[in-house]
Amino acid sequence: MRKNKKIIILLAMLAFAFTTTQFAFSQESTETEGFETEIEAIDEAGDENLPALLGMLSVEFEVDILVLEDLSAQGYTPGEIWLALEISLASDMTLEDAILVAEGTDGHGWGVLAQALDIKPGSDDFHALKLRWGDHQGRIVREMNEEREQNEVGAQGGQGQSGEKGKSESAGQNGKGKR
């Protein structure tokens, strides 16, 4: 009978461990998916037009374009660069320190990033951070998409009128940094 109690207790402990592990993995998976989606959207925008994205990030975060181009040349993805800029803005970290944090977030979720920023996952500050960065990232991607669409429309409308097409492209680039 004593042996049966030990087996029952052992099975109960295993069931508890399995349940809590499943919960932890499902929670991490949810946090990772949202984070990965935002990084991927920035990376895709960079794949389409990296110079324009870096220019936009330079203006948005008030960082010299040469610094961002150097990070890109070192092999950092546009998503890592964006994330490092957000981390630096939200903390007292330098961009150099923030890029190391951003580089190490691959495969981790918002909770891991929040802990790196000394923000308690699940807190009001945590949710505000996710919302602010999600909105910011979304606006950057939307602006990149709008610029791409305008360039496509301008290119289609300017076919056969190479002078007009050249004027609209240079005007768009000159006005970009003057927000």
N, C-alpha and C. Protein backbone atom coordinates (compact mmCIF):
# COMPACT_ATOMS: atom_id res chain seq x y z
N MET A 1 0.83 -1.18 0.00
CA MET A 1 0.00 0.00 0.00
C MET A 1 0.88 1.26 0.00
N ARG A 2 1.96 1.23 0.73
CA ARG A 2 2.89 2.34 0.74
C ARG A 2 3.46 2.58 -0.65
N LYS A 3 3.73 1.52 -1.34
CA LYS A 3 4.28 1.61 -2.68
C LYS A 3 3.27 2.26 -3.64
N ASN A 4 2.00 1.95 -3.48
CA ASN A 4 0.95 2.54 -4.31
C ASN A 4 0.86 4.05 -4.08
N LYS A 5 0.99 4.49 -2.82
CA LYS A 5 0.94 5.93 -2.51
C LYS A 5 2.10 6.66 -3.18
N LYS A 6 3.28 6.04 -3.12
CA LYS A 6 4.45 6.65 -3.75
C LYS A 6 4.26 6.76 -5.26
N ILE A 7 3.68 5.74 -5.86
CA ILE A 7 3.45 5.76 -7.30
C ILE A 7 2.42 6.83 -7.64
N ILE A 8 1.36 6.94 -6.85
CA ILE A 8 0.33 7.94 -7.10
C ILE A 8 0.91 9.34 -6.96
N ILE A 9 1.71 9.57 -5.93
CA ILE A 9 2.34 10.88 -5.73
C ILE A 9 3.29 11.19 -6.89
N LEU A 10 4.06 10.20 -7.29
CA LEU A 10 4.98 10.39 -8.41
C LEU A 10 4.23 10.73 -9.70
N LEU A 11 3.13 10.03 -9.96
CA LEU A 11 2.33 10.31 -11.15
C LEU A 11 1.70 11.70 -11.07
N ALA A 12 1.24 12.09 -9.91
CA ALA A 12 0.66 13.42 -9.74
C ALA A 12 1.73 14.50 -9.99
N MET A 13 2.93 14.28 -9.51
CA MET A 13 4.02 15.24 -9.72
C MET A 13 4.38 15.32 -11.21
N LEU A 14 4.41 14.19 -11.88
CA LEU A 14 4.71 14.18 -13.31
C LEU A 14 3.62 14.90 -14.10
N ALA A 15 2.37 14.66 -13.73
CA ALA A 15 1.26 15.33 -14.41
C ALA A 15 1.34 16.84 -14.22
N PHE A 16 1.65 17.26 -13.00
CA PHE A 16 1.79 18.69 -12.71
C PHE A 16 2.94 19.29 -13.52
N ALA A 17 4.07 18.60 -13.54
CA ALA A 17 5.24 19.10 -14.28
C ALA A 17 4.92 19.19 -15.77
N PHE A 18 4.24 18.21 -16.30
CA PHE A 18 3.89 18.21 -17.72
C PHE A 18 2.96 19.38 -18.04
N THR A 19 1.97 19.60 -17.19
CA THR A 19 1.00 20.67 -17.41
C THR A 19 1.67 22.03 -17.38
N THR A 20 2.51 22.28 -16.38
CA THR A 20 3.16 23.59 -16.27
C THR A 20 4.15 23.80 -17.41
N THR A 21 4.81 22.73 -17.85
CA THR A 21 5.74 22.85 -18.97
C THR A 21 4.99 23.19 -20.24
N GLN A 22 3.87 22.54 -20.46
CA GLN A 22 3.06 22.82 -21.65
C GLN A 22 2.60 24.28 -21.64
N PHE A 23 2.16 24.76 -20.49
CA PHE A 23 1.71 26.15 -20.37
C PHE A 23 2.85 27.11 -20.69
N ALA A 24 4.03 26.83 -20.15
CA ALA A 24 5.19 27.70 -20.38
C ALA A 24 5.56 27.73 -21.86
N PHE A 25 5.56 26.58 -22.52
CA PHE A 25 5.90 26.54 -23.94
C PHE A 25 4.85 27.26 -24.78
N SER A 26 3.58 27.09 -24.45
CA SER A 26 2.54 27.75 -25.24
C SER A 26 2.61 29.26 -25.06
N GLN A 27 2.94 29.72 -23.85
CA GLN A 27 3.06 31.14 -23.60
C GLN A 27 4.26 31.71 -24.34
N GLU A 28 5.39 31.01 -24.32
CA GLU A 28 6.58 31.48 -25.01
C GLU A 28 6.33 31.51 -26.51
N SER A 29 5.63 30.51 -27.02
CA SER A 29 5.35 30.44 -28.45
C SER A 29 4.52 31.64 -28.89
N THR A 30 3.51 32.01 -28.10
CA THR A 30 2.67 33.16 -28.44
C THR A 30 3.49 34.44 -28.44
N GLU A 31 4.35 34.59 -27.44
CA GLU A 31 5.17 35.80 -27.37
C GLU A 31 6.15 35.85 -28.54
N THR A 32 6.72 34.71 -28.90
CA THR A 32 7.69 34.67 -29.99
C THR A 32 7.03 35.00 -31.31
N GLU A 33 5.84 34.46 -31.56
CA GLU A 33 5.19 34.66 -32.85
C GLU A 33 4.98 36.14 -33.13
N GLY A 34 4.44 36.89 -32.17
CA GLY A 34 4.20 38.31 -32.39
C GLY A 34 5.48 39.07 -32.64
N PHE A 35 6.49 38.74 -31.90
CA PHE A 35 7.78 39.40 -32.01
C PHE A 35 8.43 39.08 -33.35
N GLU A 36 8.43 37.82 -33.73
CA GLU A 36 9.02 37.40 -34.99
C GLU A 36 8.30 38.04 -36.17
N THR A 37 6.99 38.18 -36.09
CA THR A 37 6.23 38.79 -37.17
C THR A 37 6.66 40.23 -37.40
N GLU A 38 6.88 40.97 -36.33
CA GLU A 38 7.27 42.37 -36.45
C GLU A 38 8.67 42.50 -37.03
N ILE A 39 9.57 41.64 -36.58
CA ILE A 39 10.94 41.64 -37.11
C ILE A 39 10.92 41.29 -38.61
N GLU A 40 10.15 40.26 -38.96
CA GLU A 40 10.07 39.83 -40.36
C GLU A 40 9.51 40.92 -41.26
N ALA A 41 8.53 41.68 -40.77
CA ALA A 41 7.95 42.76 -41.57
C ALA A 41 9.00 43.83 -41.87
N ILE A 42 9.81 44.17 -40.89
CA ILE A 42 10.89 45.15 -41.10
C ILE A 42 11.92 44.57 -42.06
N ASP A 43 12.27 43.30 -41.88
CA ASP A 43 13.24 42.66 -42.78
C ASP A 43 12.75 42.66 -44.22
N GLU A 44 11.46 42.39 -44.42
CA GLU A 44 10.90 42.39 -45.77
C GLU A 44 10.95 43.78 -46.39
N ALA A 45 10.65 44.80 -45.58
CA ALA A 45 10.73 46.17 -46.08
C ALA A 45 12.18 46.49 -46.47
N GLY A 46 13.13 46.00 -45.70
CA GLY A 46 14.54 46.20 -46.02
C GLY A 46 14.95 45.44 -47.27
N ASP A 47 14.37 44.26 -47.47
CA ASP A 47 14.66 43.49 -48.69
C ASP A 47 14.20 44.24 -49.93
N GLU A 48 13.08 44.94 -49.81
CA GLU A 48 12.54 45.68 -50.95
C GLU A 48 13.34 46.94 -51.26
N ASN A 49 13.76 47.66 -50.20
CA ASN A 49 14.48 48.92 -50.43
C ASN A 49 15.24 49.29 -49.16
N LEU A 50 16.40 48.67 -48.99
CA LEU A 50 17.19 48.89 -47.78
C LEU A 50 17.62 50.35 -47.61
N PRO A 51 18.12 51.01 -48.64
CA PRO A 51 18.52 52.42 -48.44
C PRO A 51 17.36 53.30 -47.96
N ALA A 52 16.17 53.08 -48.51
CA ALA A 52 15.02 53.88 -48.07
C ALA A 52 14.65 53.57 -46.62
N LEU A 53 14.69 52.29 -46.26
CA LEU A 53 14.36 51.92 -44.88
C LEU A 53 15.38 52.51 -43.91
N LEU A 54 16.66 52.38 -44.22
CA LEU A 54 17.69 52.94 -43.34
C LEU A 54 17.55 54.46 -43.24
N GLY A 55 17.20 55.10 -44.36
CA GLY A 55 16.97 56.55 -44.33
C GLY A 55 15.80 56.91 -43.42
N MET A 56 14.74 56.12 -43.51
CA MET A 56 13.57 56.36 -42.68
C MET A 56 13.92 56.15 -41.19
N LEU A 57 14.65 55.08 -40.89
CA LEU A 57 15.04 54.81 -39.51
C LEU A 57 15.97 55.90 -38.99
N SER A 58 16.84 56.40 -39.85
CA SER A 58 17.75 57.47 -39.47
C SER A 58 16.99 58.72 -39.03
N VAL A 59 15.99 59.07 -39.82
CA VAL A 59 15.18 60.25 -39.50
C VAL A 59 14.33 59.99 -38.27
N GLU A 60 13.68 58.84 -38.25
CA GLU A 60 12.75 58.50 -37.17
C GLU A 60 13.43 58.47 -35.80
N PHE A 61 14.63 57.90 -35.76
CA PHE A 61 15.32 57.72 -34.47
C PHE A 61 16.45 58.73 -34.27
N GLU A 62 16.60 59.66 -35.23
CA GLU A 62 17.62 60.70 -35.15
C GLU A 62 19.01 60.11 -34.95
N VAL A 63 19.35 59.15 -35.84
CA VAL A 63 20.65 58.49 -35.82
C VAL A 63 21.29 58.71 -37.19
N ASP A 64 22.57 58.98 -37.20
CA ASP A 64 23.29 59.20 -38.45
C ASP A 64 23.13 57.98 -39.37
N ILE A 65 22.79 58.23 -40.62
CA ILE A 65 22.59 57.16 -41.60
C ILE A 65 23.84 56.30 -41.74
N LEU A 66 25.01 56.90 -41.60
CA LEU A 66 26.26 56.15 -41.74
C LEU A 66 26.39 55.07 -40.65
N VAL A 67 25.88 55.36 -39.46
CA VAL A 67 25.90 54.38 -38.37
C VAL A 67 25.03 53.19 -38.74
N LEU A 68 23.84 53.46 -39.28
CA LEU A 68 22.93 52.38 -39.66
C LEU A 68 23.47 51.59 -40.84
N GLU A 69 24.06 52.27 -41.80
CA GLU A 69 24.67 51.58 -42.94
C GLU A 69 25.81 50.69 -42.48
N ASP A 70 26.58 51.16 -41.50
CA ASP A 70 27.68 50.35 -40.96
C ASP A 70 27.15 49.10 -40.27
N LEU A 71 26.08 49.24 -39.49
CA LEU A 71 25.48 48.06 -38.85
C LEU A 71 25.00 47.06 -39.89
N SER A 72 24.40 47.56 -40.94
CA SER A 72 23.94 46.69 -42.02
C SER A 72 25.12 45.99 -42.69
N ALA A 73 26.20 46.73 -42.93
CA ALA A 73 27.40 46.15 -43.56
C ALA A 73 28.03 45.08 -42.66
N GLN A 74 27.84 45.22 -41.33
CA GLN A 74 28.37 44.22 -40.40
C GLN A 74 27.53 42.95 -40.39
N GLY A 75 26.39 42.98 -41.08
CA GLY A 75 25.57 41.78 -41.19
C GLY A 75 24.31 41.79 -40.35
N TYR A 76 24.03 42.88 -39.66
CA TYR A 76 22.80 42.96 -38.89
C TYR A 76 21.63 43.14 -39.85
N THR A 77 20.54 42.44 -39.58
CA THR A 77 19.36 42.55 -40.43
C THR A 77 18.64 43.85 -40.13
N PRO A 78 17.80 44.31 -41.07
CA PRO A 78 17.03 45.52 -40.79
C PRO A 78 16.17 45.38 -39.52
N GLY A 79 15.63 44.19 -39.29
CA GLY A 79 14.83 43.96 -38.09
C GLY A 79 15.65 44.10 -36.81
N GLU A 80 16.87 43.59 -36.83
CA GLU A 80 17.74 43.74 -35.66
C GLU A 80 18.10 45.20 -35.44
N ILE A 81 18.35 45.91 -36.51
CA ILE A 81 18.69 47.33 -36.39
C ILE A 81 17.50 48.11 -35.83
N TRP A 82 16.30 47.86 -36.36
CA TRP A 82 15.10 48.53 -35.84
C TRP A 82 14.92 48.22 -34.36
N LEU A 83 15.04 46.94 -34.00
CA LEU A 83 14.85 46.55 -32.62
C LEU A 83 15.88 47.21 -31.71
N ALA A 84 17.13 47.27 -32.16
CA ALA A 84 18.17 47.92 -31.36
C ALA A 84 17.86 49.41 -31.16
N LEU A 85 17.34 50.05 -32.20
CA LEU A 85 16.96 51.46 -32.07
C LEU A 85 15.83 51.63 -31.06
N GLU A 86 14.84 50.73 -31.10
CA GLU A 86 13.74 50.78 -30.14
C GLU A 86 14.25 50.54 -28.71
N ILE A 87 15.12 49.55 -28.55
CA ILE A 87 15.68 49.23 -27.23
C ILE A 87 16.45 50.43 -26.69
N SER A 88 17.28 51.02 -27.54
CA SER A 88 18.07 52.17 -27.12
C SER A 88 17.18 53.34 -26.71
N LEU A 89 16.11 53.54 -27.46
CA LEU A 89 15.18 54.63 -27.16
C LEU A 89 14.42 54.38 -25.85
N ALA A 90 14.09 53.11 -25.58
CA ALA A 90 13.28 52.77 -24.40
C ALA A 90 14.12 52.60 -23.14
N SER A 91 15.42 52.62 -23.26
CA SER A 91 16.28 52.38 -22.11
C SER A 91 17.41 53.40 -22.10
N ASP A 92 18.32 53.20 -21.19
CA ASP A 92 19.49 54.08 -21.16
C ASP A 92 20.69 53.42 -21.85
N MET A 93 20.42 52.40 -22.68
CA MET A 93 21.48 51.70 -23.40
C MET A 93 21.94 52.51 -24.60
N THR A 94 23.23 52.39 -24.89
CA THR A 94 23.73 52.96 -26.14
C THR A 94 23.27 52.05 -27.28
N LEU A 95 23.35 52.55 -28.49
CA LEU A 95 22.97 51.75 -29.65
C LEU A 95 23.88 50.51 -29.76
N GLU A 96 25.14 50.67 -29.41
CA GLU A 96 26.08 49.54 -29.46
C GLU A 96 25.66 48.44 -28.50
N ASP A 97 25.24 48.81 -27.29
CA ASP A 97 24.76 47.81 -26.33
C ASP A 97 23.43 47.22 -26.76
N ALA A 98 22.58 48.07 -27.30
CA ALA A 98 21.24 47.63 -27.71
C ALA A 98 21.32 46.64 -28.87
N ILE A 99 22.27 46.81 -29.77
CA ILE A 99 22.38 45.89 -30.90
C ILE A 99 22.76 44.50 -30.41
N LEU A 100 23.54 44.43 -29.34
CA LEU A 100 23.89 43.13 -28.77
C LEU A 100 22.68 42.45 -28.15
N VAL A 101 21.80 43.22 -27.54
CA VAL A 101 20.56 42.67 -26.98
C VAL A 101 19.65 42.22 -28.12
N ALA A 102 19.52 43.05 -29.15
CA ALA A 102 18.66 42.73 -30.29
C ALA A 102 19.16 41.49 -31.01
N GLU A 103 20.46 41.36 -31.12
CA GLU A 103 21.05 40.21 -31.81
C GLU A 103 20.74 38.92 -31.05
N GLY A 104 20.69 39.00 -29.76
CA GLY A 104 20.46 37.82 -28.94
C GLY A 104 19.00 37.44 -28.76
N THR A 105 18.06 38.16 -29.39
CA THR A 105 16.65 37.87 -29.18
C THR A 105 16.09 36.87 -30.17
N ASP A 106 16.89 36.42 -31.12
CA ASP A 106 16.41 35.47 -32.13
C ASP A 106 15.88 34.22 -31.43
N GLY A 107 14.62 33.90 -31.70
CA GLY A 107 14.01 32.71 -31.11
C GLY A 107 13.41 32.95 -29.73
N HIS A 108 13.54 34.16 -29.22
CA HIS A 108 12.96 34.49 -27.91
C HIS A 108 11.75 35.38 -28.12
N GLY A 109 10.95 35.47 -27.08
CA GLY A 109 9.74 36.27 -27.18
C GLY A 109 9.87 37.61 -26.48
N TRP A 110 8.73 38.28 -26.41
CA TRP A 110 8.66 39.58 -25.77
C TRP A 110 9.08 39.52 -24.31
N GLY A 111 8.76 38.42 -23.64
CA GLY A 111 9.10 38.29 -22.22
C GLY A 111 10.59 38.34 -21.98
N VAL A 112 11.35 37.66 -22.82
CA VAL A 112 12.81 37.66 -22.68
C VAL A 112 13.36 39.06 -22.93
N LEU A 113 12.83 39.73 -23.95
CA LEU A 113 13.27 41.08 -24.25
C LEU A 113 12.92 42.02 -23.10
N ALA A 114 11.73 41.90 -22.56
CA ALA A 114 11.31 42.76 -21.45
C ALA A 114 12.24 42.57 -20.25
N GLN A 115 12.59 41.33 -19.97
CA GLN A 115 13.49 41.08 -18.85
C GLN A 115 14.85 41.72 -19.08
N ALA A 116 15.31 41.71 -20.33
CA ALA A 116 16.59 42.36 -20.65
C ALA A 116 16.51 43.87 -20.41
N LEU A 117 15.31 44.41 -20.50
CA LEU A 117 15.09 45.84 -20.27
C LEU A 117 14.64 46.13 -18.83
N ASP A 118 14.68 45.11 -17.98
CA ASP A 118 14.23 45.24 -16.59
C ASP A 118 12.76 45.62 -16.48
N ILE A 119 11.96 45.07 -17.39
CA ILE A 119 10.51 45.27 -17.35
C ILE A 119 9.88 43.92 -17.05
N LYS A 120 8.98 43.91 -16.09
CA LYS A 120 8.35 42.65 -15.68
C LYS A 120 7.34 42.21 -16.76
N PRO A 121 7.55 41.00 -17.33
CA PRO A 121 6.58 40.51 -18.31
C PRO A 121 5.18 40.44 -17.71
N GLY A 122 4.21 40.91 -18.47
CA GLY A 122 2.83 40.92 -18.02
C GLY A 122 2.42 42.20 -17.33
N SER A 123 3.38 43.06 -16.98
CA SER A 123 3.06 44.31 -16.28
C SER A 123 2.45 45.32 -17.26
N ASP A 124 1.93 46.41 -16.72
CA ASP A 124 1.40 47.49 -17.56
C ASP A 124 2.50 48.06 -18.46
N ASP A 125 3.71 48.21 -17.90
CA ASP A 125 4.83 48.72 -18.70
C ASP A 125 5.14 47.78 -19.86
N PHE A 126 5.05 46.48 -19.61
CA PHE A 126 5.30 45.46 -20.63
C PHE A 126 4.30 45.60 -21.77
N HIS A 127 3.02 45.70 -21.43
CA HIS A 127 1.98 45.81 -22.47
C HIS A 127 2.09 47.13 -23.22
N ALA A 128 2.46 48.19 -22.51
CA ALA A 128 2.64 49.49 -23.17
C ALA A 128 3.81 49.44 -24.15
N LEU A 129 4.88 48.76 -23.76
CA LEU A 129 6.05 48.61 -24.63
C LEU A 129 5.67 47.86 -25.91
N LYS A 130 4.96 46.74 -25.77
CA LYS A 130 4.54 45.97 -26.94
C LYS A 130 3.66 46.79 -27.86
N LEU A 131 2.73 47.51 -27.29
CA LEU A 131 1.81 48.32 -28.08
C LEU A 131 2.55 49.44 -28.80
N ARG A 132 3.41 50.14 -28.08
CA ARG A 132 4.16 51.27 -28.65
C ARG A 132 5.06 50.78 -29.80
N TRP A 133 5.79 49.70 -29.55
CA TRP A 133 6.70 49.21 -30.59
C TRP A 133 5.93 48.63 -31.76
N GLY A 134 4.83 47.95 -31.50
CA GLY A 134 4.02 47.41 -32.59
C GLY A 134 3.45 48.51 -33.46
N ASP A 135 2.95 49.58 -32.83
CA ASP A 135 2.42 50.71 -33.59
C ASP A 135 3.52 51.38 -34.40
N HIS A 136 4.68 51.55 -33.77
CA HIS A 136 5.81 52.21 -34.42
C HIS A 136 6.27 51.40 -35.63
N GLN A 137 6.44 50.10 -35.42
CA GLN A 137 6.88 49.22 -36.50
C GLN A 137 5.86 49.21 -37.62
N GLY A 138 4.59 49.15 -37.26
CA GLY A 138 3.52 49.14 -38.27
C GLY A 138 3.52 50.39 -39.12
N ARG A 139 3.74 51.53 -38.49
CA ARG A 139 3.78 52.80 -39.22
C ARG A 139 4.96 52.83 -40.18
N ILE A 140 6.11 52.34 -39.74
CA ILE A 140 7.30 52.32 -40.60
C ILE A 140 7.05 51.45 -41.82
N VAL A 141 6.50 50.26 -41.61
CA VAL A 141 6.23 49.34 -42.71
C VAL A 141 5.18 49.94 -43.65
N ARG A 142 4.12 50.55 -43.09
CA ARG A 142 3.10 51.18 -43.93
C ARG A 142 3.70 52.28 -44.80
N GLU A 143 4.55 53.11 -44.22
CA GLU A 143 5.17 54.19 -44.98
C GLU A 143 6.07 53.63 -46.09
N MET A 144 6.78 52.56 -45.81
CA MET A 144 7.61 51.92 -46.84
C MET A 144 6.73 51.39 -47.97
N ASN A 145 5.62 50.75 -47.62
CA ASN A 145 4.71 50.22 -48.63
C ASN A 145 4.10 51.34 -49.46
N GLU A 146 3.70 52.43 -48.81
CA GLU A 146 3.13 53.57 -49.53
C GLU A 146 4.15 54.17 -50.50
N GLU A 147 5.38 54.28 -50.04
CA GLU A 147 6.43 54.83 -50.90
C GLU A 147 6.67 53.91 -52.11
N ARG A 148 6.68 52.61 -51.86
CA ARG A 148 6.86 51.65 -52.96
C ARG A 148 5.72 51.78 -53.97
N GLU A 149 4.49 51.85 -53.46
CA GLU A 149 3.33 51.98 -54.36
C GLU A 149 3.38 53.28 -55.15
N GLN A 150 3.77 54.36 -54.51
CA GLN A 150 3.87 55.64 -55.22
C GLN A 150 4.93 55.58 -56.31
N ASN A 151 6.04 54.93 -56.01
CA ASN A 151 7.10 54.78 -57.00
C ASN A 151 6.64 53.92 -58.17
N GLU A 152 5.85 52.88 -57.87
CA GLU A 152 5.33 52.02 -58.94
C GLU A 152 4.36 52.78 -59.81
N VAL A 153 3.46 53.55 -59.20
CA VAL A 153 2.49 54.35 -59.96
C VAL A 153 3.23 55.40 -60.77
N GLY A 154 4.20 56.05 -60.17
CA GLY A 154 4.99 57.05 -60.89
C GLY A 154 5.74 56.44 -62.05
N ALA A 155 6.27 55.24 -61.87
CA ALA A 155 7.01 54.56 -62.93
C ALA A 155 6.08 54.18 -64.07
N GLN A 156 4.87 53.74 -63.74
CA GLN A 156 3.90 53.36 -64.77
C GLN A 156 3.41 54.59 -65.52
N GLY A 157 3.15 55.65 -64.80
CA GLY A 157 2.66 56.87 -65.42
C GLY A 157 3.76 57.59 -66.19
N GLY A 158 5.00 57.37 -65.82
CA GLY A 158 6.12 58.06 -66.45
C GLY A 158 6.76 57.29 -67.57
N GLN A 159 6.20 56.15 -67.96
CA GLN A 159 6.78 55.38 -69.06
C GLN A 159 6.71 56.21 -70.33
N GLY A 160 7.84 56.30 -70.98
CA GLY A 160 7.89 57.09 -72.19
C GLY A 160 8.19 58.56 -71.91
N GLN A 161 8.14 58.95 -70.63
CA GLN A 161 8.44 60.32 -70.23
C GLN A 161 9.56 60.27 -69.20
N SER A 162 10.73 59.88 -69.62
CA SER A 162 11.82 59.65 -68.69
C SER A 162 12.15 60.90 -67.88
N GLY A 163 11.97 62.08 -68.46
CA GLY A 163 12.25 63.29 -67.71
C GLY A 163 11.31 63.47 -66.54
N GLU A 164 10.01 63.20 -66.74
CA GLU A 164 9.04 63.35 -65.66
C GLU A 164 9.29 62.34 -64.56
N LYS A 165 9.61 61.11 -64.93
CA LYS A 165 9.85 60.06 -63.94
C LYS A 165 11.04 60.45 -63.07
N GLY A 166 12.10 60.94 -63.68
CA GLY A 166 13.29 61.32 -62.92
C GLY A 166 13.01 62.45 -61.95
N LYS A 167 12.17 63.42 -62.38
CA LYS A 167 11.84 64.53 -61.50
C LYS A 167 11.07 64.06 -60.28
N SER A 168 10.08 63.17 -60.46
CA SER A 168 9.26 62.74 -59.33
C SER A 168 10.06 61.89 -58.36
N GLU A 169 10.98 61.08 -58.88
CA GLU A 169 11.78 60.26 -57.97
C GLU A 169 12.72 61.11 -57.14
N SER A 170 13.39 62.09 -57.76
CA SER A 170 14.32 62.91 -57.00
C SER A 170 13.57 63.79 -56.02
N ALA A 171 12.38 64.26 -56.38
CA ALA A 171 11.59 65.08 -55.46
C ALA A 171 11.18 64.26 -54.26
N GLY A 172 10.82 63.01 -54.48
CA GLY A 172 10.42 62.14 -53.36
C GLY A 172 11.58 61.88 -52.43
N GLN A 173 12.77 61.74 -52.97
CA GLN A 173 13.93 61.47 -52.12
C GLN A 173 14.35 62.71 -51.37
N ASN A 174 14.28 63.87 -52.01
CA ASN A 174 14.68 65.09 -51.33
C ASN A 174 13.74 65.44 -50.20
N GLY A 175 12.46 65.19 -50.36
CA GLY A 175 11.48 65.53 -49.35
C GLY A 175 11.40 64.53 -48.22
N LYS A 176 12.03 63.38 -48.39
CA LYS A 176 11.87 62.30 -47.42
C LYS A 176 12.43 62.65 -46.05
N GLY A 177 13.56 63.31 -45.99
CA GLY A 177 14.19 63.59 -44.71
C GLY A 177 13.65 64.84 -44.04
N LYS A 178 12.67 65.50 -44.64
CA LYS A 178 12.17 66.78 -44.11
C LYS A 178 10.81 66.62 -43.47
N ARG A 179 10.66 65.69 -42.58
CA ARG A 179 9.37 65.49 -41.91
C ARG A 179 9.08 66.54 -40.92
